[in-house]
N, C-alpha and C. Protein backbone atom coordinates (compact mmCIF):
# COMPACT_ATOMS: atom_id res chain seq x y z
N LYS A 1 -6.80 12.74 -1.20
CA LYS A 1 -6.46 11.48 -1.87
C LYS A 1 -7.89 10.91 -2.59
N ASP A 2 -7.16 10.63 -3.88
CA ASP A 2 -8.46 10.27 -4.77
C ASP A 2 -8.94 8.66 -4.61
N PRO A 3 -9.98 8.53 -4.28
CA PRO A 3 -10.63 7.41 -3.79
C PRO A 3 -10.58 6.32 -5.19
N ASN A 4 -10.28 6.78 -6.17
CA ASN A 4 -10.17 6.03 -7.45
C ASN A 4 -8.98 5.51 -7.65
N ALA A 5 -8.06 5.86 -6.95
CA ALA A 5 -6.37 5.14 -7.21
C ALA A 5 -6.37 4.00 -6.62
N PRO A 6 -5.39 3.36 -7.04
CA PRO A 6 -5.19 2.02 -6.52
C PRO A 6 -4.61 1.94 -5.12
N VAL A 7 -4.97 0.99 -4.17
CA VAL A 7 -4.54 1.20 -2.88
C VAL A 7 -2.91 0.37 -2.80
N ARG A 8 -2.05 1.38 -2.25
CA ARG A 8 -0.56 1.21 -2.24
C ARG A 8 -0.31 -0.41 -1.78
N TRP A 9 0.69 -0.93 -2.31
CA TRP A 9 1.14 -2.39 -1.64
C TRP A 9 1.73 -2.24 -0.32
N LYS A 10 1.80 -3.16 0.22
CA LYS A 10 2.41 -3.57 1.67
C LYS A 10 4.09 -4.01 1.44
N SER A 11 4.59 -3.56 2.31
CA SER A 11 6.02 -4.19 2.36
C SER A 11 5.92 -5.74 2.94
N ALA A 12 6.90 -6.45 2.89
CA ALA A 12 6.96 -7.73 3.25
C ALA A 12 6.80 -7.48 5.05
N TYR A 13 7.39 -6.47 5.40
CA TYR A 13 7.37 -6.53 6.84
C TYR A 13 6.13 -6.27 7.30
N GLN A 14 5.49 -5.02 6.64
CA GLN A 14 4.01 -4.84 6.79
C GLN A 14 2.88 -5.73 6.83
N THR A 15 2.89 -6.78 5.84
CA THR A 15 2.30 -8.09 5.60
C THR A 15 2.45 -8.86 6.69
N PHE A 16 3.95 -9.30 7.25
CA PHE A 16 4.14 -9.86 8.27
C PHE A 16 3.50 -9.38 9.67
N ARG A 17 3.69 -8.18 9.75
CA ARG A 17 2.96 -7.73 11.00
C ARG A 17 1.63 -7.60 11.27
N ASP A 18 0.83 -7.46 9.78
CA ASP A 18 -0.46 -7.85 9.94
C ASP A 18 -0.79 -9.07 10.25
N ASP A 19 -0.34 -9.88 9.84
CA ASP A 19 -0.43 -11.50 10.33
C ASP A 19 -0.13 -11.66 11.50
N LEU A 20 1.10 -11.26 12.21
CA LEU A 20 1.38 -11.44 13.51
C LEU A 20 0.20 -10.54 14.47
N ASN A 21 -0.30 -9.69 14.15
CA ASN A 21 -1.34 -8.76 14.77
C ASN A 21 -2.52 -9.56 14.90
N ARG A 22 -2.98 -10.24 13.93
CA ARG A 22 -4.12 -11.10 13.95
C ARG A 22 -3.94 -12.37 15.07
N GLU A 23 -2.69 -12.70 14.88
CA GLU A 23 -2.24 -14.01 16.04
C GLU A 23 -2.26 -13.46 17.29
N LEU A 24 -2.30 -12.18 17.61
CA LEU A 24 -2.07 -11.67 19.02
C LEU A 24 -3.15 -10.78 19.35
N ALA A 25 -4.24 -10.81 18.41
CA ALA A 25 -5.25 -9.99 18.70
C ALA A 25 -5.96 -9.93 20.11
N ASP A 26 -6.16 -11.24 20.69
CA ASP A 26 -6.67 -11.65 21.82
C ASP A 26 -5.50 -11.27 23.35
N ARG A 27 -4.49 -10.99 23.02
CA ARG A 27 -3.38 -10.42 23.87
C ARG A 27 -3.62 -9.31 24.62
N ASN A 28 -4.24 -8.29 23.99
CA ASN A 28 -4.37 -7.08 24.52
C ASN A 28 -2.78 -6.22 24.80
N LEU A 29 -2.10 -6.25 24.03
CA LEU A 29 -0.94 -5.85 24.21
C LEU A 29 -0.82 -4.27 23.90
N ASP A 30 -0.09 -3.32 24.59
CA ASP A 30 0.03 -1.82 24.15
C ASP A 30 1.09 -1.66 22.88
N PHE A 31 1.08 -0.88 22.24
CA PHE A 31 1.80 -0.45 21.08
C PHE A 31 3.16 -0.72 21.26
N VAL A 32 3.90 -0.48 22.22
CA VAL A 32 5.26 -0.53 22.57
C VAL A 32 5.63 -2.32 22.61
N GLU A 33 4.73 -3.09 23.19
CA GLU A 33 4.88 -4.13 23.36
C GLU A 33 4.85 -5.06 22.03
N MET A 34 3.66 -4.43 21.15
CA MET A 34 3.33 -4.95 19.98
C MET A 34 4.74 -5.02 19.03
N SER A 35 5.33 -3.55 19.15
CA SER A 35 6.30 -3.26 18.31
C SER A 35 7.53 -3.78 18.42
N LYS A 36 7.95 -4.37 19.93
CA LYS A 36 8.78 -4.97 20.25
C LYS A 36 8.88 -6.53 19.69
N LEU A 37 7.72 -6.95 19.89
CA LEU A 37 7.27 -8.21 19.30
C LEU A 37 7.47 -8.39 17.67
N HIS A 38 6.90 -7.53 17.11
CA HIS A 38 6.96 -7.26 15.67
C HIS A 38 8.51 -7.54 15.08
N SER A 39 9.37 -6.76 15.91
CA SER A 39 10.56 -6.58 15.41
C SER A 39 11.62 -7.84 15.85
N GLU A 40 11.33 -8.47 16.97
CA GLU A 40 11.90 -9.56 17.46
C GLU A 40 11.46 -10.69 16.57
N LYS A 41 10.56 -10.85 16.22
CA LYS A 41 9.84 -12.02 15.42
C LYS A 41 10.54 -11.87 13.99
N TRP A 42 10.49 -10.75 13.34
CA TRP A 42 10.95 -10.54 12.19
C TRP A 42 12.47 -10.89 11.91
N ALA A 43 13.18 -10.50 13.03
CA ALA A 43 14.75 -10.53 13.23
C ALA A 43 14.86 -12.03 13.13
N ASN A 44 14.07 -12.86 13.77
CA ASN A 44 14.16 -14.38 14.03
C ASN A 44 13.44 -15.34 13.18
N LEU A 45 12.80 -14.67 12.11
CA LEU A 45 12.20 -15.32 11.12
C LEU A 45 12.81 -16.10 10.20
N PRO A 46 12.58 -17.46 10.17
CA PRO A 46 13.63 -18.40 9.18
C PRO A 46 13.59 -17.74 7.74
N PRO A 47 14.49 -17.85 6.96
CA PRO A 47 14.58 -17.40 5.77
C PRO A 47 13.70 -17.77 4.77
N GLU A 48 13.22 -18.91 4.86
CA GLU A 48 12.06 -19.62 4.05
C GLU A 48 10.77 -18.69 3.85
N GLN A 49 10.40 -18.36 5.32
CA GLN A 49 9.54 -17.63 5.47
C GLN A 49 9.31 -16.32 5.52
N ARG A 50 10.73 -15.56 5.45
CA ARG A 50 10.64 -14.24 5.14
C ARG A 50 10.75 -13.98 3.64
N LYS A 51 11.28 -15.44 3.04
CA LYS A 51 11.18 -15.11 1.21
C LYS A 51 9.87 -15.11 0.98
N TRP A 52 9.08 -15.82 1.63
CA TRP A 52 7.53 -16.06 1.58
C TRP A 52 7.07 -14.62 1.33
N TYR A 53 7.15 -13.84 2.48
CA TYR A 53 6.53 -12.41 2.77
C TYR A 53 7.13 -11.56 1.54
N GLU A 54 8.31 -11.82 1.33
CA GLU A 54 9.16 -10.81 0.34
C GLU A 54 8.50 -11.17 -0.83
N ASP A 55 8.36 -12.27 -1.32
CA ASP A 55 7.86 -12.60 -2.60
C ASP A 55 6.07 -12.27 -2.81
N ARG A 56 5.61 -12.19 -2.00
CA ARG A 56 4.20 -11.64 -1.56
C ARG A 56 4.27 -9.96 -1.92
N ALA A 57 5.20 -9.36 -1.14
CA ALA A 57 5.14 -7.95 -1.50
C ALA A 57 5.67 -7.73 -2.93
N LYS A 58 6.70 -8.38 -3.64
CA LYS A 58 6.86 -8.04 -4.86
C LYS A 58 5.86 -8.24 -5.72
N THR A 59 5.17 -9.13 -5.50
CA THR A 59 3.74 -9.76 -6.48
C THR A 59 2.70 -8.32 -6.06
N ALA A 60 2.85 -8.16 -4.88
CA ALA A 60 1.70 -6.94 -4.55
C ALA A 60 2.27 -5.61 -5.06
N ARG A 61 3.83 -5.47 -5.28
CA ARG A 61 4.21 -4.10 -5.70
C ARG A 61 3.73 -4.16 -7.40
N GLU A 62 4.37 -5.00 -7.68
CA GLU A 62 4.22 -5.18 -9.33
C GLU A 62 2.60 -4.94 -9.91
N ASN A 63 1.69 -5.66 -8.96
CA ASN A 63 0.23 -5.45 -9.14
C ASN A 63 -0.01 -4.04 -9.12
N TYR A 64 0.38 -3.34 -7.86
CA TYR A 64 0.14 -1.89 -7.84
C TYR A 64 0.76 -0.94 -8.87
N GLU A 65 1.82 -1.29 -9.47
CA GLU A 65 2.62 -0.58 -10.58
C GLU A 65 1.78 -0.65 -11.81
N ARG A 66 1.22 -1.91 -12.13
CA ARG A 66 0.29 -2.23 -13.32
C ARG A 66 -0.90 -1.33 -13.19
N GLN A 67 -1.57 -1.30 -11.99
CA GLN A 67 -2.81 -0.97 -11.75
C GLN A 67 -2.56 0.89 -11.74
N MET A 68 -1.74 1.23 -11.42
CA MET A 68 -1.13 2.58 -11.24
C MET A 68 -0.81 3.19 -12.77
N SER A 69 -0.13 2.33 -13.77
CA SER A 69 0.07 2.77 -15.01
C SER A 69 -1.32 2.94 -15.98
N VAL A 70 -2.21 2.25 -15.53
CA VAL A 70 -3.82 2.29 -15.87
C VAL A 70 -4.32 3.56 -15.52
N TYR A 71 -3.99 3.63 -14.29
CA TYR A 71 -4.91 4.88 -13.39
C TYR A 71 -4.29 6.31 -13.92
N ARG A 72 -3.10 6.35 -14.26
CA ARG A 72 -2.52 7.72 -14.51
C ARG A 72 -3.14 7.96 -16.05
N GLN A 73 -3.37 7.14 -16.74
CA GLN A 73 -4.33 7.47 -17.89
C GLN A 73 -5.76 8.19 -17.71
N THR A 74 -6.20 8.03 -16.66
CA THR A 74 -7.60 8.41 -16.22
C THR A 74 -7.56 10.11 -15.95
N GLU A 75 -8.55 10.58 -16.40
CA GLU A 75 -9.24 11.99 -16.24
C GLU A 75 -8.85 12.38 -14.75
N SER A 76 -9.48 11.40 -13.83
CA SER A 76 -9.29 11.74 -12.40
C SER A 76 -7.82 11.92 -11.91
N TYR A 77 -7.01 10.92 -12.48
CA TYR A 77 -5.34 11.51 -11.92
C TYR A 77 -4.93 12.54 -12.62
N LYS A 78 -5.34 12.79 -14.19
CA LYS A 78 -4.72 14.00 -14.52
C LYS A 78 -5.26 15.22 -13.89
N VAL A 79 -6.43 15.55 -13.37
CA VAL A 79 -6.97 16.53 -12.59
C VAL A 79 -6.46 16.56 -11.24
N ARG A 80 -6.20 15.45 -10.50
CA ARG A 80 -5.86 15.78 -9.22
C ARG A 80 -4.26 15.78 -9.32
N SER A 81 -3.32 15.55 -10.50
CA SER A 81 -2.09 15.65 -10.31
C SER A 81 -1.76 17.12 -10.82
N GLY A 82 -2.84 17.69 -11.22
CA GLY A 82 -2.45 19.15 -11.77
C GLY A 82 -2.07 19.05 -13.32
N LYS A 83 -2.16 17.83 -13.72
CA LYS A 83 -1.84 17.81 -15.34
C LYS A 83 -2.79 18.53 -15.91
N VAL A 84 -4.05 18.50 -15.61
CA VAL A 84 -5.24 19.11 -16.28
C VAL A 84 -5.97 19.95 -15.30
N CYS A 85 -6.29 21.31 -15.81
CA CYS A 85 -6.93 22.02 -14.84
C CYS A 85 -8.56 21.90 -15.34
N ALA A 86 -9.26 21.18 -14.43
CA ALA A 86 -10.73 21.07 -14.83
C ALA A 86 -11.24 22.42 -15.06
N LEU A 87 -11.24 23.46 -14.18
CA LEU A 87 -11.80 24.47 -14.40
C LEU A 87 -11.35 25.33 -15.50
N CYS A 88 -10.23 25.19 -15.92
CA CYS A 88 -9.32 25.51 -17.43
C CYS A 88 -10.47 25.21 -18.53
N GLU A 89 -10.48 23.82 -18.39
CA GLU A 89 -11.15 23.01 -19.48
C GLU A 89 -12.80 23.48 -19.68
N GLN A 90 -13.30 23.67 -18.50
CA GLN A 90 -14.57 23.76 -18.55
C GLN A 90 -14.94 25.51 -19.13
N VAL A 91 -14.06 26.30 -18.86
CA VAL A 91 -14.04 27.60 -19.31
C VAL A 91 -13.82 27.66 -20.72
N SER A 92 -12.45 27.04 -21.01
CA SER A 92 -12.29 26.99 -22.54
C SER A 92 -13.31 26.34 -23.40
N THR A 93 -13.95 25.28 -23.10
CA THR A 93 -15.03 24.64 -23.77
C THR A 93 -16.40 25.28 -23.98
N SER A 94 -16.40 26.19 -23.02
CA SER A 94 -17.78 26.81 -22.93
C SER A 94 -17.85 28.07 -24.00
N GLN A 95 -16.55 28.53 -24.35
CA GLN A 95 -16.36 29.75 -25.13
C GLN A 95 -16.66 29.60 -26.35
């Protein structure tokens, strides 16, 4: 994975889950208990709160896509995606 690539956006559910984990950090729940709480609380989340998370996710995705369009123009992306063979270019420029 390219360390220069933008960090992928989080979905509404992932952001909600992260917020909930911070609230529940001191409860020392295991993975199964946390997963049940995540899904129950998400299912019962009032529509206006869910919309808030969905709006945040939408904005994050739009920002990520803008950053990716810039990143796709970089040499780092071209080399990692196989669009440019760095070794081939080095050989051809040295001849």
